[in-house]
Amino acid sequence: METSKREFPVRDVSREVADRAERLRQAVREAGGNRAVAAKSGVPVGTIDNYVAGRDMRASNVARLAEATSVSIEWLLTGNGPRNGRSEVLLPPATLEASRAPPGYVSIPRYEAHASAGSGAINPTDRVIEQITVTEEYIRRVLGRQPKHMALLEALGDSMAPTIESGDILMIDVSVLTIRFSSVYVIRLAEQLLVKRLQLMFNGTIKIISDNPLYGEETVDPRKDQLDVVGEVVWSGGKIRVRAAG
């Protein structure tokens, strides 16, 4: 079992990150210590040292650490929900049949789940909260998509600004389940629903890009990290924002 010499005090960081570090410290201790969890999860022991000391966790490591310590991802990230077990993110099905609409129109379902344009958010539901009616011609001719594959989600966070602002509605093509070219996708990473720009690299890794330069990039290896493409963002829109005078 890992000795206490690898347990560091939480630094003076935000309360949310400090609480998350404390939950991880507790889970790691009960799972046998830093080295045991590192061996089981594949996350380097030095990285775990940093996390329990108060550094926020990378999204790609959350699922690994949760599984290695037998705690739920939701509990590890937020302190909510059951401590043990897996936290499920319910996503739109791969194919959606268009609901009844007047001739020449299609109804696109808008889901209660949110796609985070920030550090990631657990979404416990895929309940449809409304149907948005759009002309079939617009979907087929302008967007070049099949209406039955469209779904709507709301974006939260500013990491994709100015391309996508917090509160914007995203129309996604849920038939696109692979990365075809550098574009914006809704993805599931470590059971978090995110909206990010993805770039497939020659070595097989995927670069996760935030359009907002204040946020950094992240590279994941789909052979090691569980990354699922939920759909490609084909349209986004929201209210007019008033820019402050420069």
Protein backbone atom coordinates (compact mmCIF):
# COMPACT_ATOMS: atom_id res chain seq x y z
CA MET A 1 0.00 0.00 0.00
CA GLU A 2 1.18 3.50 -0.80
CA THR A 3 2.66 5.39 2.12
CA SER A 4 1.49 8.82 3.20
CA LYS A 5 4.61 10.52 1.86
CA ARG A 6 2.86 10.81 -1.53
CA GLU A 7 -0.15 12.59 -0.08
CA PHE A 8 0.24 16.34 -0.50
CA PRO A 9 -1.91 19.10 0.95
CA VAL A 10 -4.37 20.75 -1.42
CA ARG A 11 -3.02 23.99 -2.83
CA ASP A 12 -4.86 27.27 -2.59
CA VAL A 13 -7.03 26.73 -5.67
CA SER A 14 -10.73 27.07 -6.29
CA ARG A 15 -13.01 25.27 -3.86
CA GLU A 16 -14.42 23.11 -6.64
CA VAL A 17 -11.02 21.83 -7.72
CA ALA A 18 -9.91 21.40 -4.10
CA ASP A 19 -13.00 19.34 -3.28
CA ARG A 20 -12.41 17.21 -6.37
CA ALA A 21 -8.81 16.62 -5.28
CA GLU A 22 -10.00 15.56 -1.83
CA ARG A 23 -12.45 13.05 -3.33
CA LEU A 24 -9.71 11.64 -5.53
CA ARG A 25 -7.32 11.44 -2.57
CA GLN A 26 -9.89 9.49 -0.59
CA ALA A 27 -10.65 7.13 -3.49
CA VAL A 28 -6.95 6.55 -4.24
CA ARG A 29 -6.16 5.83 -0.59
CA GLU A 30 -8.97 3.26 -0.35
CA ALA A 31 -7.85 1.66 -3.64
CA GLY A 32 -4.34 0.99 -2.34
CA GLY A 33 -2.47 4.24 -2.89
CA ASN A 34 -1.01 6.23 -5.75
CA ARG A 35 1.23 3.53 -7.21
CA ALA A 36 -1.46 0.87 -7.14
CA VAL A 37 -3.94 3.17 -8.90
CA ALA A 38 -1.29 4.25 -11.40
CA ALA A 39 -0.59 0.62 -12.30
CA LYS A 40 -4.28 -0.17 -12.66
CA SER A 41 -5.33 2.99 -14.54
CA GLY A 42 -2.28 3.63 -16.72
CA VAL A 43 -2.12 7.21 -15.42
CA PRO A 44 1.48 8.03 -14.38
CA VAL A 45 2.04 8.17 -10.62
CA GLY A 46 3.46 11.68 -10.95
CA THR A 47 0.26 12.82 -12.62
CA ILE A 48 -1.80 11.32 -9.80
CA ASP A 49 0.48 13.08 -7.32
CA ASN A 50 -0.38 16.37 -9.02
CA TYR A 51 -4.10 15.64 -9.06
CA VAL A 52 -4.33 14.80 -5.37
CA ALA A 53 -2.22 17.88 -4.64
CA GLY A 54 -4.88 20.07 -6.21
CA ARG A 55 -4.24 20.26 -9.94
CA ASP A 56 -7.44 19.78 -11.96
CA MET A 57 -7.77 16.48 -13.83
CA ARG A 58 -7.59 16.12 -17.59
CA ALA A 59 -10.83 14.88 -19.08
CA SER A 60 -9.07 11.91 -20.69
CA ASN A 61 -7.90 10.64 -17.29
CA VAL A 62 -11.13 11.00 -15.34
CA ALA A 63 -12.71 7.76 -16.56
CA ARG A 64 -9.49 5.80 -16.01
CA LEU A 65 -9.13 6.96 -12.42
CA ALA A 66 -12.80 6.44 -11.65
CA GLU A 67 -12.66 2.88 -12.95
CA ALA A 68 -9.37 2.12 -11.17
CA THR A 69 -10.75 3.35 -7.83
CA SER A 70 -14.26 1.86 -8.30
CA VAL A 71 -16.09 5.17 -7.97
CA SER A 72 -18.56 6.82 -10.33
CA ILE A 73 -17.36 9.55 -12.63
CA GLU A 74 -20.18 11.85 -11.53
CA TRP A 75 -19.18 11.53 -7.87
CA LEU A 76 -15.49 12.04 -8.62
CA LEU A 77 -16.14 15.18 -10.67
CA THR A 78 -19.00 16.79 -8.75
CA GLY A 79 -19.55 14.95 -5.47
CA ASN A 80 -23.13 14.22 -6.56
CA GLY A 81 -24.83 10.92 -7.29
CA PRO A 82 -23.86 7.50 -5.99
CA ARG A 83 -20.22 7.12 -4.98
CA ASN A 84 -19.80 3.70 -6.52
CA GLY A 85 -20.67 2.44 -9.98
CA ARG A 86 -20.63 3.98 -13.42
CA SER A 87 -22.22 7.28 -14.34
CA GLU A 88 -24.02 7.01 -17.67
CA VAL A 89 -24.40 9.76 -20.23
CA LEU A 90 -27.51 9.18 -22.33
CA LEU A 91 -27.10 10.39 -25.87
CA PRO A 92 -29.39 10.77 -28.86
CA PRO A 93 -29.78 7.52 -30.81
CA ALA A 94 -27.70 7.09 -33.95
CA THR A 95 -30.73 7.53 -36.20
CA LEU A 96 -33.74 9.74 -35.51
CA GLU A 97 -36.96 9.49 -37.45
CA ALA A 98 -38.42 12.92 -38.25
CA SER A 99 -41.65 13.61 -36.35
CA ARG A 100 -44.88 14.56 -38.07
CA ALA A 101 -44.79 18.04 -39.59
CA PRO A 102 -46.65 19.95 -42.33
CA PRO A 103 -45.75 19.00 -45.91
CA GLY A 104 -42.35 20.42 -46.85
CA TYR A 105 -41.26 20.70 -43.19
CA VAL A 106 -39.52 18.43 -40.70
CA SER A 107 -39.50 18.48 -36.89
CA ILE A 108 -36.05 18.34 -35.29
CA PRO A 109 -35.96 17.11 -31.67
CA ARG A 110 -34.21 19.32 -29.13
CA TYR A 111 -32.73 17.36 -26.25
CA GLU A 112 -32.48 18.43 -22.63
CA ALA A 113 -28.84 17.34 -22.52
CA HIS A 114 -26.21 20.08 -22.94
CA ALA A 115 -22.93 19.95 -24.82
CA SER A 116 -20.24 21.64 -22.77
CA ALA A 117 -18.02 24.20 -24.49
CA GLY A 118 -15.89 24.31 -21.38
CA SER A 119 -14.23 21.68 -19.23
CA GLY A 120 -17.04 19.16 -19.62
CA ALA A 121 -20.39 18.43 -18.01
CA ILE A 122 -22.17 15.26 -16.99
CA ASN A 123 -25.52 15.03 -18.74
CA PRO A 124 -27.87 12.54 -17.05
CA THR A 125 -30.75 12.72 -19.54
CA ASP A 126 -31.62 12.65 -23.22
CA ARG A 127 -35.24 13.75 -22.77
CA VAL A 128 -36.70 15.62 -25.74
CA ILE A 129 -38.02 18.96 -24.50
CA GLU A 130 -39.38 20.37 -27.77
CA GLN A 131 -39.58 19.92 -31.53
CA ILE A 132 -38.29 22.67 -33.82
CA THR A 133 -39.90 22.81 -37.28
CA VAL A 134 -37.58 23.54 -40.19
CA THR A 135 -38.11 23.42 -43.94
CA GLU A 136 -36.96 20.15 -45.44
CA GLU A 137 -35.35 22.06 -48.32
CA TYR A 138 -33.07 23.92 -45.91
CA ILE A 139 -31.81 20.70 -44.34
CA ARG A 140 -31.30 18.94 -47.66
CA ARG A 141 -30.17 21.74 -49.99
CA VAL A 142 -28.42 24.26 -47.72
CA LEU A 143 -26.94 21.91 -45.11
CA GLY A 144 -26.69 18.92 -47.42
CA ARG A 145 -27.99 16.52 -44.76
CA GLN A 146 -30.77 14.02 -44.19
CA PRO A 147 -33.52 15.47 -41.94
CA LYS A 148 -34.00 12.23 -40.00
CA HIS A 149 -30.40 12.44 -38.73
CA MET A 150 -30.71 15.90 -37.18
CA ALA A 151 -30.80 16.65 -33.44
CA LEU A 152 -30.57 19.85 -31.38
CA LEU A 153 -28.56 20.50 -28.22
CA GLU A 154 -27.68 23.64 -26.27
CA ALA A 155 -24.03 24.62 -25.83
CA LEU A 156 -22.76 25.77 -22.45
CA GLY A 157 -19.43 27.49 -21.84
CA ASP A 158 -17.16 29.82 -23.79
CA SER A 159 -14.29 27.60 -24.92
CA MET A 160 -15.59 27.55 -28.51
CA ALA A 161 -16.21 31.30 -28.71
CA PRO A 162 -16.56 33.17 -30.99
CA THR A 163 -17.60 30.25 -33.24
CA ILE A 164 -20.10 28.98 -30.67
CA GLU A 165 -21.26 31.08 -27.74
CA SER A 166 -22.71 29.79 -24.49
CA GLY A 167 -26.44 29.33 -24.92
CA ASP A 168 -26.28 28.75 -28.67
CA ILE A 169 -28.38 25.95 -30.14
CA LEU A 170 -26.41 23.32 -32.04
CA MET A 171 -27.82 21.26 -34.87
CA ILE A 172 -25.87 18.04 -35.16
CA ASP A 173 -25.88 15.22 -37.68
CA VAL A 174 -25.93 12.10 -35.52
CA SER A 175 -25.22 9.83 -38.51
CA VAL A 176 -21.61 11.10 -38.48
CA LEU A 177 -19.82 8.84 -36.01
CA THR A 178 -16.25 9.19 -37.27
CA ILE A 179 -13.92 12.14 -37.81
CA ARG A 180 -13.86 12.83 -41.53
CA PHE A 181 -11.99 16.14 -41.56
CA SER A 182 -11.19 19.04 -39.26
CA SER A 183 -14.63 20.15 -38.11
CA VAL A 184 -16.69 20.78 -34.98
CA TYR A 185 -18.20 17.73 -33.31
CA VAL A 186 -20.17 16.80 -30.24
CA ILE A 187 -18.19 14.06 -28.54
CA ARG A 188 -18.35 11.88 -25.47
CA LEU A 189 -15.04 11.77 -23.63
CA ALA A 190 -14.72 10.28 -20.16
CA GLU A 191 -18.54 10.19 -20.12
CA GLN A 192 -18.68 13.94 -20.62
CA LEU A 193 -20.56 15.51 -23.50
CA LEU A 194 -18.38 18.15 -25.17
CA VAL A 195 -18.48 20.32 -28.27
CA LYS A 196 -15.00 20.76 -29.71
CA ARG A 197 -13.10 21.11 -32.96
CA LEU A 198 -11.35 17.84 -33.77
CA GLN A 199 -8.34 17.20 -35.95
CA LEU A 200 -7.20 13.68 -36.85
CA MET A 201 -3.40 13.49 -36.79
CA PHE A 202 -1.21 11.28 -38.99
CA ASN A 203 -0.16 9.12 -36.01
CA GLY A 204 -3.77 8.24 -35.27
CA THR A 205 -4.23 10.56 -32.30
CA ILE A 206 -6.95 13.19 -32.17
CA LYS A 207 -6.31 16.83 -31.34
CA ILE A 208 -9.15 18.43 -29.35
CA ILE A 209 -9.18 22.15 -30.11
CA SER A 210 -11.01 25.03 -28.44
CA ASP A 211 -11.56 28.01 -30.75
CA ASN A 212 -11.22 30.36 -27.78
CA PRO A 213 -7.45 31.00 -27.49
CA LEU A 214 -7.76 31.23 -23.69
CA TYR A 215 -8.24 27.46 -23.62
CA GLY A 216 -5.51 24.96 -24.39
CA GLU A 217 -5.50 22.02 -26.76
CA GLU A 218 -5.59 18.39 -25.74
CA THR A 219 -4.46 15.31 -27.65
CA VAL A 220 -6.01 11.91 -27.03
CA ASP A 221 -5.27 8.47 -28.40
CA PRO A 222 -8.55 6.73 -29.34
CA ARG A 223 -6.76 3.39 -28.95
CA LYS A 224 -6.38 4.14 -25.23
CA ASP A 225 -8.94 6.84 -24.44
CA GLN A 226 -12.65 6.18 -24.89
CA LEU A 227 -13.74 8.93 -27.29
CA ASP A 228 -17.06 8.59 -29.12
CA VAL A 229 -18.33 10.95 -31.79
CA VAL A 230 -21.99 11.75 -31.12
CA GLY A 231 -22.40 13.86 -34.25
CA GLU A 232 -21.03 16.64 -36.40
CA VAL A 233 -22.19 20.20 -35.76
CA VAL A 234 -23.69 21.48 -39.02
CA TRP A 235 -25.35 24.67 -37.75
CA SER A 236 -25.39 26.85 -34.64
CA GLY A 237 -27.33 29.93 -33.70
CA GLY A 238 -28.35 32.13 -30.81
CA LYS A 239 -29.34 35.61 -29.79
CA ILE A 240 -27.50 38.69 -31.04
CA ARG A 241 -24.72 39.65 -28.63
CA VAL A 242 -23.93 43.32 -28.06
CA ARG A 243 -20.19 43.87 -28.16
CA ALA A 244 -18.64 46.44 -25.86
CA ALA A 245 -17.23 49.45 -27.64
CA GLY A 246 -13.48 49.28 -27.99
